[in-house]
Amino acid sequence: MKTIDRIPTGKIGRTGKMVQTGIKVGGNYLRYYSKKALNGEVSREELDESNAEDIYNGLKSLKGSALKVAQMLSMEKSLLPNAYVEKFSLAQFSVPPLSAPLVRKTFKKYHGQFPDEIFDSFSLDSVNAASIGQVHRATKDGKELAVKIQYPGVADSISSDLAMVKPIAIKMFNLQGKDSERYFKEVEGKLLEETDYVLEVKQSIEISEACSHIPNLKFPKYYPGLSSERIISMDWMHGLHLRDFAKENKDQNIANQLGQALWDFYMYQMHVLKAVHADPHPGNFLVDKDHNLIAIDFGCIKKVPLEFYEPYFELADKDKIENPEIFNAKLFELEILRKEDSEREIAFFSELFYQMLSLFTAPFQEEEFDFSDESFWTSVTSLSEKYSKDQELRKMNGNRGSKHFLYINRTFFGLYNLLHDLGAKVKINNFKQYS
C-alpha cells in the first residue's frame, strides 16, 4: 500500500483538501443528472460509488476525526447506501500508513527519542493503519510488542474537522436547531479522549483487570513506561481479526464460545462497571489459535450514568414496553419525548420507538438468542428502510434522546453486528455469574 509522507495539520490545509473533495462530489452529481436527463432509468448506485470513493480518498489523506466519523458511519449499515458502508469500513483497519521517515520524525517528536533508541528492534513498516493512529511491531527485553503511534496533528484538528463534517451529518441525521450541538459536543469529547493515550492506557489496564475473570477473553499487557501522550506500547497479540475468523470458521461451537465471551464482556461492562468499550468494530478484536477472544483497543470508553442506565434498561422489559403509560413515561425520562412536543409528535415518536425497541430488545426477552437468525436482521433492515424514507419524519426534529444514546446505541448496534458475523447463539444472562 502507498505510504503518506505528509499530513495536512493546519486548518487551512485540511479545509482546502475537503474543498477539493467537495468539488469532485459536485462533478459526480453533474454527471449523474446529465445522464439521468438522457436516460431516466440511470441507477443512483453509480453516483453513490463515485461519491464514496472520492469522499473516502479525501478523508484517508487527512486521517484524524473526519476519517473516524466515516468509520463510525460504516457501522450504521441501516443509514447509508451500501457503497458508502463498504468504502468507509476500510477506515477501521486499512488506510495508507505513514512513510518510514515520517514515522521516525513523529515518534521523536512525541517521545523525545527515535524508536531504535528505546526498543531492541522496531519495524518502520506499519502492520495496521486506522483513523487516528497506526501500529508497528517491536521487541524489548525478549517481549514482542505492538506500538501504536498517533498521526501528527490529529488531536489539534478535532474541532475543525468536526466543523467540516457537521453539515453532512446534520443533513444525514435530520438534526435541527441548537440541540444538535450536544451531539457534536459528545462526539468531540469522546474523540479528544481517544487522542489521549495516557488515558487510554489507564482505561485499558482498569477494564482488562476488571474483566480478566471472564472465560475465553484475553487482553494484552500495557507498558506505561514505554508509552506517552501520543504513543502506546502493549504486548503483541497473535490472532486473526474477528471478521476474518468468522468468514472462515465452520464450527458452530467455536462461534458460540466466542460470541458468549463477547456478549458477557459487554454485559459485564454495561451492568457491573457502568462503563463500556464503545467502539465494537471488527478491527478491535482478534481470535487466537485457542479460540480466545482478544480485545485490543480501549480508546473509546463510555461512562453510563445511572439516570440514563435505569430508564434505558427498564425499556428492555417487555411488560414495560407493552404498557403505554409506563412506556411513554420512560421516553420522557430519556428525552425522546419532550414537554413541548405536539400531540402529533408524541404519537409519531411513541410509535416509532415502540417499533424500534420491541425489535432491538428482542434478545433480552429470551434466555438464549441466535444472532444468525436472518428473520431478525430482515426486520431490522426493513424498519430502518421504512423510516429512512418516511417523509413525515423528515419534517420533524430528528434530535431525539439523551446525548448518551449516541454511543450506547452505537455500542449495541456494533455488538449485534459482530455476533451476526460470527453467527453465534448466546445465553443472555450468563454474565451474571461473573458479577
Protein backbone atom coordinates (compact mmCIF):
# COMPACT_ATOMS: atom_id res chain seq x y z
CA MET A 1 0.00 0.00 0.00
CA LYS A 2 1.25 3.50 -0.84
CA THR A 3 2.57 5.41 2.18
CA ILE A 4 1.99 9.03 3.17
CA ASP A 5 4.93 11.45 3.56
CA ARG A 6 2.88 14.38 4.84
CA ILE A 7 -0.47 15.00 6.56
CA PRO A 8 -2.02 18.50 6.47
CA THR A 9 -2.20 19.59 10.12
CA GLY A 10 -3.30 23.23 9.80
CA LYS A 11 -6.92 24.31 9.44
CA ILE A 12 -6.33 25.92 6.04
CA GLY A 13 -4.60 22.86 4.59
CA ARG A 14 -7.22 20.43 5.88
CA THR A 15 -10.14 22.63 4.78
CA GLY A 16 -8.55 23.01 1.35
CA LYS A 17 -8.42 19.22 0.99
CA MET A 18 -12.10 18.96 1.88
CA VAL A 19 -12.96 21.71 -0.62
CA GLN A 20 -11.19 19.71 -3.34
CA THR A 21 -13.23 16.67 -2.32
CA GLY A 22 -16.43 18.74 -2.45
CA ILE A 23 -15.63 19.86 -5.99
CA LYS A 24 -15.20 16.23 -7.06
CA VAL A 25 -18.51 15.25 -5.46
CA GLY A 26 -20.21 18.19 -7.18
CA GLY A 27 -18.84 16.97 -10.51
CA ASN A 28 -20.23 13.50 -9.80
CA TYR A 29 -23.71 14.97 -9.30
CA LEU A 30 -23.47 16.96 -12.54
CA ARG A 31 -22.52 13.82 -14.49
CA TYR A 32 -25.29 11.83 -12.80
CA TYR A 33 -28.05 14.33 -13.57
CA SER A 34 -26.78 14.80 -17.14
CA LYS A 35 -27.03 11.05 -17.72
CA LYS A 36 -30.40 10.89 -15.98
CA ALA A 37 -31.76 13.62 -18.26
CA LEU A 38 -30.93 11.42 -21.25
CA ASN A 39 -31.94 8.16 -19.59
CA GLY A 40 -34.46 8.31 -16.74
CA GLU A 41 -33.60 4.76 -15.64
CA VAL A 42 -29.97 5.53 -14.75
CA SER A 43 -29.20 3.91 -11.37
CA ARG A 44 -28.11 6.01 -8.40
CA GLU A 45 -25.64 3.29 -7.41
CA GLU A 46 -23.04 4.70 -9.80
CA LEU A 47 -23.31 8.12 -8.12
CA ASP A 48 -23.05 6.56 -4.64
CA GLU A 49 -19.95 4.60 -5.65
CA SER A 50 -18.23 7.67 -7.16
CA ASN A 51 -19.06 9.84 -4.14
CA ALA A 52 -17.99 7.18 -1.65
CA GLU A 53 -14.67 6.75 -3.48
CA ASP A 54 -13.93 10.49 -3.63
CA ILE A 55 -15.02 11.23 -0.05
CA TYR A 56 -13.02 8.31 1.35
CA ASN A 57 -9.91 9.26 -0.65
CA GLY A 58 -10.14 12.81 0.71
CA LEU A 59 -10.61 11.67 4.29
CA LYS A 60 -7.92 8.99 4.28
CA SER A 61 -5.26 11.55 3.32
CA LEU A 62 -6.34 13.75 6.24
CA LYS A 63 -6.76 10.92 8.75
CA GLY A 64 -8.00 12.01 12.17
CA SER A 65 -11.51 12.89 13.29
CA ALA A 66 -13.11 13.17 9.86
CA LEU A 67 -11.95 9.65 8.99
CA LYS A 68 -13.09 8.42 12.42
CA VAL A 69 -16.60 9.75 11.74
CA ALA A 70 -16.58 7.82 8.43
CA GLN A 71 -15.59 4.70 10.38
CA MET A 72 -18.48 5.27 12.79
CA LEU A 73 -20.92 5.74 9.91
CA SER A 74 -19.77 2.49 8.28
CA MET A 75 -21.12 0.66 11.33
CA GLU A 76 -24.54 2.27 10.82
CA LYS A 77 -25.40 -0.01 7.91
CA SER A 78 -29.07 0.98 8.00
CA LEU A 79 -28.31 4.67 7.42
CA LEU A 80 -26.01 4.62 4.40
CA PRO A 81 -26.13 3.19 0.87
CA ASN A 82 -24.02 0.04 0.58
CA ALA A 83 -21.32 1.79 -1.48
CA TYR A 84 -20.54 4.12 1.45
CA VAL A 85 -20.63 1.31 4.01
CA GLU A 86 -18.12 -0.77 2.04
CA LYS A 87 -15.75 2.12 1.37
CA PHE A 88 -15.94 3.74 4.82
CA SER A 89 -15.44 0.38 6.55
CA LEU A 90 -11.86 0.46 5.22
CA ALA A 91 -11.24 3.19 7.82
CA GLN A 92 -11.44 0.51 10.51
CA PHE A 93 -8.05 -1.02 9.77
CA SER A 94 -6.98 -0.39 6.19
CA VAL A 95 -5.79 3.12 5.33
CA PRO A 96 -2.46 4.28 3.83
CA PRO A 97 0.22 4.34 6.58
CA LEU A 98 2.84 6.99 7.30
CA SER A 99 6.15 6.60 5.48
CA ALA A 100 9.23 5.39 7.40
CA PRO A 101 10.85 8.88 7.61
CA LEU A 102 7.60 10.40 8.91
CA VAL A 103 7.25 7.58 11.46
CA ARG A 104 10.74 8.31 12.87
CA LYS A 105 10.09 12.06 12.90
CA THR A 106 6.69 11.67 14.58
CA PHE A 107 7.99 9.20 17.20
CA LYS A 108 10.90 11.50 18.11
CA LYS A 109 8.52 14.48 18.43
CA TYR A 110 6.21 12.55 20.79
CA HIS A 111 8.71 10.54 22.82
CA GLY A 112 11.91 12.58 22.73
CA GLN A 113 13.94 9.70 21.21
CA PHE A 114 13.93 7.72 17.98
CA PRO A 115 12.30 4.27 18.26
CA ASP A 116 15.59 2.39 17.73
CA GLU A 117 17.00 4.21 20.78
CA ILE A 118 14.27 2.73 23.00
CA PHE A 119 13.39 -0.69 21.56
CA ASP A 120 15.68 -3.60 20.76
CA SER A 121 14.03 -3.75 17.35
CA PHE A 122 11.37 -1.63 15.69
CA SER A 123 9.77 -2.12 12.28
CA LEU A 124 9.18 1.18 10.49
CA ASP A 125 6.56 -0.54 8.30
CA SER A 126 3.10 -0.30 9.82
CA VAL A 127 1.15 -3.53 10.29
CA ASN A 128 -2.17 -1.77 10.85
CA ALA A 129 -3.16 1.79 9.93
CA ALA A 130 -6.53 3.17 11.04
CA SER A 131 -8.18 6.56 11.50
CA ILE A 132 -6.26 8.04 14.45
CA GLY A 133 -3.05 6.01 14.65
CA GLN A 134 -1.03 3.13 13.22
CA VAL A 135 0.63 0.08 14.80
CA HIS A 136 4.22 -1.15 14.49
CA ARG A 137 5.93 -4.32 15.69
CA ALA A 138 8.81 -4.01 18.14
CA THR A 139 10.78 -6.04 20.67
CA LYS A 140 12.10 -5.12 24.11
CA ASP A 141 13.84 -7.39 26.62
CA GLY A 142 12.61 -10.50 24.81
CA LYS A 143 8.98 -9.33 24.59
CA GLU A 144 7.07 -8.91 21.33
CA LEU A 145 5.33 -5.55 21.40
CA ALA A 146 2.73 -3.60 19.44
CA VAL A 147 3.48 0.13 19.40
CA LYS A 148 0.66 2.48 18.39
CA ILE A 149 1.70 5.92 17.13
CA GLN A 150 -0.84 8.71 16.74
CA TYR A 151 -0.86 10.61 13.46
CA PRO A 152 0.55 14.17 13.51
CA GLY A 153 -1.94 16.93 14.23
CA VAL A 154 -4.92 14.68 14.98
CA ALA A 155 -5.64 15.97 18.49
CA ASP A 156 -5.28 19.61 17.44
CA SER A 157 -7.64 19.33 14.45
CA ILE A 158 -10.65 17.64 16.08
CA SER A 159 -12.81 20.76 16.38
CA SER A 160 -12.09 21.99 12.85
CA ASP A 161 -12.55 18.50 11.36
CA LEU A 162 -15.95 18.13 13.02
CA ALA A 163 -16.95 21.56 11.74
CA MET A 164 -16.18 20.29 8.22
CA VAL A 165 -18.30 17.14 8.50
CA LYS A 166 -21.07 18.73 10.57
CA PRO A 167 -23.19 19.95 7.59
CA ILE A 168 -23.16 16.43 6.11
CA ALA A 169 -24.13 14.83 9.44
CA ILE A 170 -26.93 17.34 10.07
CA LYS A 171 -28.48 16.53 6.70
CA MET A 172 -27.97 12.78 7.05
CA PHE A 173 -29.45 12.53 10.57
CA ASN A 174 -32.05 15.28 10.16
CA LEU A 175 -30.70 17.24 13.14
CA GLN A 176 -32.33 20.61 13.71
CA GLY A 177 -31.82 23.60 15.97
CA LYS A 178 -29.45 24.16 18.88
CA ASP A 179 -30.00 20.64 20.23
CA SER A 180 -27.68 19.29 17.55
CA GLU A 181 -24.78 20.95 19.40
CA ARG A 182 -24.98 18.50 22.32
CA TYR A 183 -24.46 15.56 19.94
CA PHE A 184 -21.40 17.15 18.37
CA LYS A 185 -20.05 18.09 21.80
CA GLU A 186 -20.43 14.45 22.86
CA VAL A 187 -18.57 13.27 19.73
CA GLU A 188 -15.89 15.93 20.19
CA GLY A 189 -15.40 14.95 23.83
CA LYS A 190 -15.02 11.24 23.04
CA LEU A 191 -12.63 11.95 20.15
CA LEU A 192 -10.48 14.12 22.43
CA GLU A 193 -10.37 11.20 24.88
CA GLU A 194 -9.34 8.86 22.06
CA THR A 195 -6.32 11.03 21.29
CA ASP A 196 -5.21 10.98 24.95
CA TYR A 197 -3.09 7.83 25.01
CA VAL A 198 -2.19 8.23 28.70
CA LEU A 199 -5.91 7.96 29.44
CA GLU A 200 -6.26 5.02 27.05
CA VAL A 201 -3.50 3.06 28.80
CA LYS A 202 -5.15 3.76 32.18
CA GLN A 203 -8.59 2.65 30.88
CA SER A 204 -7.09 -0.40 29.17
CA ILE A 205 -5.45 -1.61 32.39
CA GLU A 206 -8.56 -0.94 34.50
CA ILE A 207 -11.04 -2.72 32.22
CA SER A 208 -8.76 -5.63 31.33
CA GLU A 209 -8.14 -6.28 35.04
CA ALA A 210 -11.85 -5.95 35.89
CA CYS A 211 -12.87 -8.39 33.13
CA SER A 212 -9.95 -10.83 33.32
CA HIS A 213 -12.10 -13.49 35.05
CA ILE A 214 -14.50 -13.87 32.09
CA PRO A 215 -13.71 -17.16 30.28
CA ASN A 216 -12.26 -17.19 26.75
CA LEU A 217 -11.43 -13.49 26.93
CA LYS A 218 -7.86 -12.19 26.75
CA PHE A 219 -6.14 -8.79 26.84
CA PRO A 220 -2.63 -7.55 26.09
CA LYS A 221 -0.43 -6.23 28.88
CA TYR A 222 0.21 -2.47 28.66
CA TYR A 223 3.52 -0.73 29.40
CA PRO A 224 3.08 2.83 30.77
CA GLY A 225 6.86 3.33 30.89
CA LEU A 226 7.09 2.76 27.13
CA SER A 227 4.01 4.85 26.41
CA SER A 228 3.27 8.58 26.35
CA GLU A 229 0.50 11.04 25.45
CA ARG A 230 0.63 10.00 21.76
CA ILE A 231 2.27 6.54 21.90
CA ILE A 232 1.05 3.24 23.40
CA SER A 233 3.16 0.11 23.91
CA MET A 234 1.47 -3.21 24.65
CA ASP A 235 2.02 -6.94 24.15
CA TRP A 236 1.83 -8.11 20.56
CA MET A 237 -1.19 -10.44 20.39
CA HIS A 238 -1.27 -13.19 17.77
CA GLY A 239 -4.59 -13.85 16.05
CA LEU A 240 -6.99 -13.11 13.22
CA HIS A 241 -9.30 -10.12 13.11
CA LEU A 242 -12.74 -11.22 14.25
CA ARG A 243 -14.45 -10.74 10.88
CA ASP A 244 -11.69 -12.63 9.03
CA PHE A 245 -12.01 -15.50 11.50
CA ALA A 246 -15.81 -15.51 11.19
CA LYS A 247 -15.59 -15.81 7.39
CA GLU A 248 -13.53 -18.99 7.55
CA ASN A 249 -14.96 -20.61 10.69
CA LYS A 250 -17.28 -23.61 10.15
CA ASP A 251 -17.55 -24.79 13.75
CA GLN A 252 -20.77 -23.62 15.44
CA ASN A 253 -19.49 -24.48 18.91
CA ILE A 254 -16.47 -22.20 18.46
CA ALA A 255 -18.73 -19.43 17.10
CA ASN A 256 -20.94 -19.78 20.18
CA GLN A 257 -17.93 -19.80 22.53
CA LEU A 258 -16.53 -16.58 21.03
CA GLY A 259 -19.95 -14.97 20.87
CA GLN A 260 -20.59 -15.80 24.52
CA ALA A 261 -17.26 -14.27 25.56
CA LEU A 262 -18.09 -11.14 23.56
CA TRP A 263 -21.62 -10.88 24.97
CA ASP A 264 -20.52 -11.50 28.57
CA PHE A 265 -17.73 -8.92 28.17
CA TYR A 266 -20.18 -6.24 27.07
CA MET A 267 -22.93 -7.08 29.54
CA TYR A 268 -20.44 -7.13 32.44
CA GLN A 269 -19.15 -3.69 31.46
CA MET A 270 -22.63 -2.27 30.94
CA HIS A 271 -24.34 -3.67 34.03
CA VAL A 272 -21.47 -4.01 36.52
CA LEU A 273 -18.81 -1.47 35.58
CA LYS A 274 -21.27 1.11 34.14
CA ALA A 275 -18.53 1.93 31.62
CA VAL A 276 -18.32 0.30 28.21
CA HIS A 277 -15.93 -0.22 25.31
CA ALA A 278 -17.98 1.88 22.86
CA ASP A 279 -16.07 1.06 19.66
CA PRO A 280 -17.12 -2.51 18.82
CA HIS A 281 -15.83 -2.86 15.28
CA PRO A 282 -14.01 -5.97 13.97
CA GLY A 283 -10.60 -4.29 13.95
CA ASN A 284 -10.65 -4.07 17.75
CA PHE A 285 -10.95 -7.82 18.32
CA LEU A 286 -8.74 -10.78 17.47
CA VAL A 287 -9.21 -14.55 17.78
CA ASP A 288 -6.17 -16.58 18.86
CA LYS A 289 -5.24 -20.18 17.99
CA ASP A 290 -7.02 -21.46 21.11
CA HIS A 291 -10.21 -19.62 20.08
CA ASN A 292 -9.99 -16.97 22.76
CA LEU A 293 -11.35 -13.51 22.04
CA ILE A 294 -8.76 -10.72 22.40
CA ALA A 295 -9.81 -7.10 22.96
CA ILE A 296 -7.04 -4.74 21.85
CA ASP A 297 -8.30 -1.14 21.89
CA PHE A 298 -9.83 0.88 24.75
CA GLY A 299 -9.60 4.40 23.38
CA CYS A 300 -13.35 4.97 23.41
CA ILE A 301 -14.87 4.21 26.82
CA LYS A 302 -18.37 5.50 27.52
CA LYS A 303 -19.41 6.05 31.13
CA VAL A 304 -23.07 5.09 31.70
CA PRO A 305 -24.68 7.39 34.30
CA LEU A 306 -27.44 5.89 36.46
CA GLU A 307 -30.01 8.47 35.37
CA PHE A 308 -29.63 7.10 31.83
CA TYR A 309 -28.91 3.45 32.66
CA GLU A 310 -32.06 2.84 34.70
CA PRO A 311 -34.77 4.04 32.26
CA TYR A 312 -32.79 2.72 29.28
CA PHE A 313 -32.70 -0.85 30.56
CA GLU A 314 -36.20 -0.68 32.02
CA LEU A 315 -37.30 -0.46 28.39
CA ALA A 316 -35.70 -3.85 27.79
CA ASP A 317 -38.57 -5.22 29.91
CA LYS A 318 -41.33 -6.38 27.55
CA ASP A 319 -44.06 -5.67 30.13
CA LYS A 320 -42.96 -2.02 30.32
CA ILE A 321 -42.78 -1.69 26.53
CA GLU A 322 -46.33 -3.04 26.26
CA ASN A 323 -47.67 -0.67 28.91
CA PRO A 324 -48.34 2.67 27.10
CA GLU A 325 -48.33 4.76 30.29
CA ILE A 326 -45.02 3.40 31.61
CA PHE A 327 -43.53 3.32 28.11
CA ASN A 328 -44.23 7.00 27.43
CA ALA A 329 -43.03 8.00 30.90
CA LYS A 330 -39.67 6.34 30.18
CA LEU A 331 -39.49 8.06 26.78
CA PHE A 332 -39.80 11.40 28.57
CA GLU A 333 -37.06 10.39 31.06
CA LEU A 334 -34.78 9.53 28.14
CA GLU A 335 -35.59 12.83 26.36
CA ILE A 336 -37.09 11.03 23.39
CA LEU A 337 -40.37 12.80 24.09
CA ARG A 338 -40.46 16.42 25.29
CA LYS A 339 -42.91 18.63 27.09
CA GLU A 340 -43.07 21.00 24.12
CA ASP A 341 -43.98 18.21 21.66
CA SER A 342 -47.31 18.41 19.90
CA GLU A 343 -49.82 15.56 20.19
CA ARG A 344 -48.88 14.56 16.64
CA GLU A 345 -45.17 14.41 17.55
CA ILE A 346 -45.86 12.42 20.71
CA ALA A 347 -47.98 9.91 18.80
CA PHE A 348 -45.45 9.63 15.95
CA PHE A 349 -42.32 9.17 18.08
CA SER A 350 -44.06 6.88 20.57
CA GLU A 351 -44.98 4.55 17.71
CA LEU A 352 -41.53 4.81 16.10
CA PHE A 353 -39.67 3.97 19.31
CA TYR A 354 -42.18 1.28 20.24
CA GLN A 355 -41.36 -0.49 16.98
CA MET A 356 -37.64 0.09 17.35
CA LEU A 357 -37.39 -1.00 20.98
CA SER A 358 -39.66 -4.00 20.51
CA LEU A 359 -37.24 -5.18 17.84
CA PHE A 360 -33.86 -4.21 19.31
CA THR A 361 -34.66 -5.56 22.78
CA ALA A 362 -35.75 -8.92 21.34
CA PRO A 363 -32.54 -10.66 22.55
CA PHE A 364 -33.32 -9.61 26.13
CA GLN A 365 -36.71 -11.35 26.02
CA GLU A 366 -35.03 -14.77 25.64
CA GLU A 367 -32.78 -16.93 27.77
CA GLU A 368 -30.84 -17.74 24.59
CA PHE A 369 -30.71 -15.76 21.35
CA ASP A 370 -29.45 -16.80 17.92
CA PHE A 371 -27.82 -13.81 16.22
CA SER A 372 -27.60 -15.71 12.95
CA ASP A 373 -31.41 -15.57 12.69
CA GLU A 374 -31.94 -13.87 9.32
CA SER A 375 -35.56 -13.01 10.12
CA PHE A 376 -34.28 -10.76 12.92
CA TRP A 377 -31.88 -8.97 10.56
CA THR A 378 -34.50 -8.69 7.84
CA SER A 379 -36.81 -6.99 10.36
CA VAL A 380 -34.03 -4.59 11.39
CA THR A 381 -33.31 -3.70 7.76
CA SER A 382 -36.98 -3.30 6.87
CA LEU A 383 -37.65 -0.99 9.82
CA SER A 384 -34.57 1.10 9.03
CA GLU A 385 -35.58 1.44 5.37
CA LYS A 386 -39.14 2.34 6.33
CA TYR A 387 -38.15 5.28 8.50
CA SER A 388 -35.23 6.41 6.32
CA LYS A 389 -37.80 7.10 3.59
CA ASP A 390 -40.53 8.47 5.85
CA GLN A 391 -41.41 11.96 4.63
CA GLU A 392 -43.23 12.86 7.86
CA LEU A 393 -40.12 12.08 9.90
CA ARG A 394 -38.05 14.34 7.65
CA LYS A 395 -40.29 17.27 8.54
CA MET A 396 -39.74 16.76 12.28
CA ASN A 397 -36.76 17.47 14.51
CA GLY A 398 -34.58 14.37 14.43
CA ASN A 399 -32.82 15.31 17.68
CA ARG A 400 -34.38 12.65 19.89
CA GLY A 401 -33.00 11.18 23.06
CA SER A 402 -30.34 11.91 25.63
CA LYS A 403 -26.83 12.58 24.32
CA HIS A 404 -25.86 9.23 25.87
CA PHE A 405 -27.88 7.42 23.20
CA LEU A 406 -25.26 8.29 20.60
CA TYR A 407 -22.57 5.93 21.92
CA ILE A 408 -24.73 3.41 23.78
CA ASN A 409 -26.89 2.70 20.71
CA ARG A 410 -23.76 2.56 18.58
CA THR A 411 -22.30 0.05 21.04
CA PHE A 412 -25.30 -2.27 20.87
CA PHE A 413 -25.63 -1.99 17.11
CA GLY A 414 -21.94 -2.80 16.68
CA LEU A 415 -22.16 -5.68 19.16
CA TYR A 416 -25.18 -7.16 17.37
CA ASN A 417 -23.33 -6.94 14.05
CA LEU A 418 -20.24 -8.71 15.42
CA LEU A 419 -22.42 -11.51 16.83
CA HIS A 420 -24.22 -11.74 13.49
CA ASP A 421 -20.87 -12.00 11.67
CA LEU A 422 -19.96 -14.89 13.98
CA GLY A 423 -23.40 -16.49 13.61
CA ALA A 424 -23.34 -17.01 17.38
CA LYS A 425 -26.02 -18.24 19.73
CA VAL A 426 -25.56 -16.78 23.24
CA LYS A 427 -27.04 -17.18 26.72
CA ILE A 428 -28.33 -13.73 27.53
CA ASN A 429 -27.99 -13.78 31.34
CA ASN A 430 -24.80 -15.82 31.51
CA PHE A 431 -22.73 -12.76 32.52
CA LYS A 432 -24.49 -12.57 35.91
CA GLN A 433 -22.41 -15.41 37.31
CA TYR A 434 -19.29 -13.22 36.92
CA SER A 435 -20.76 -10.21 38.75
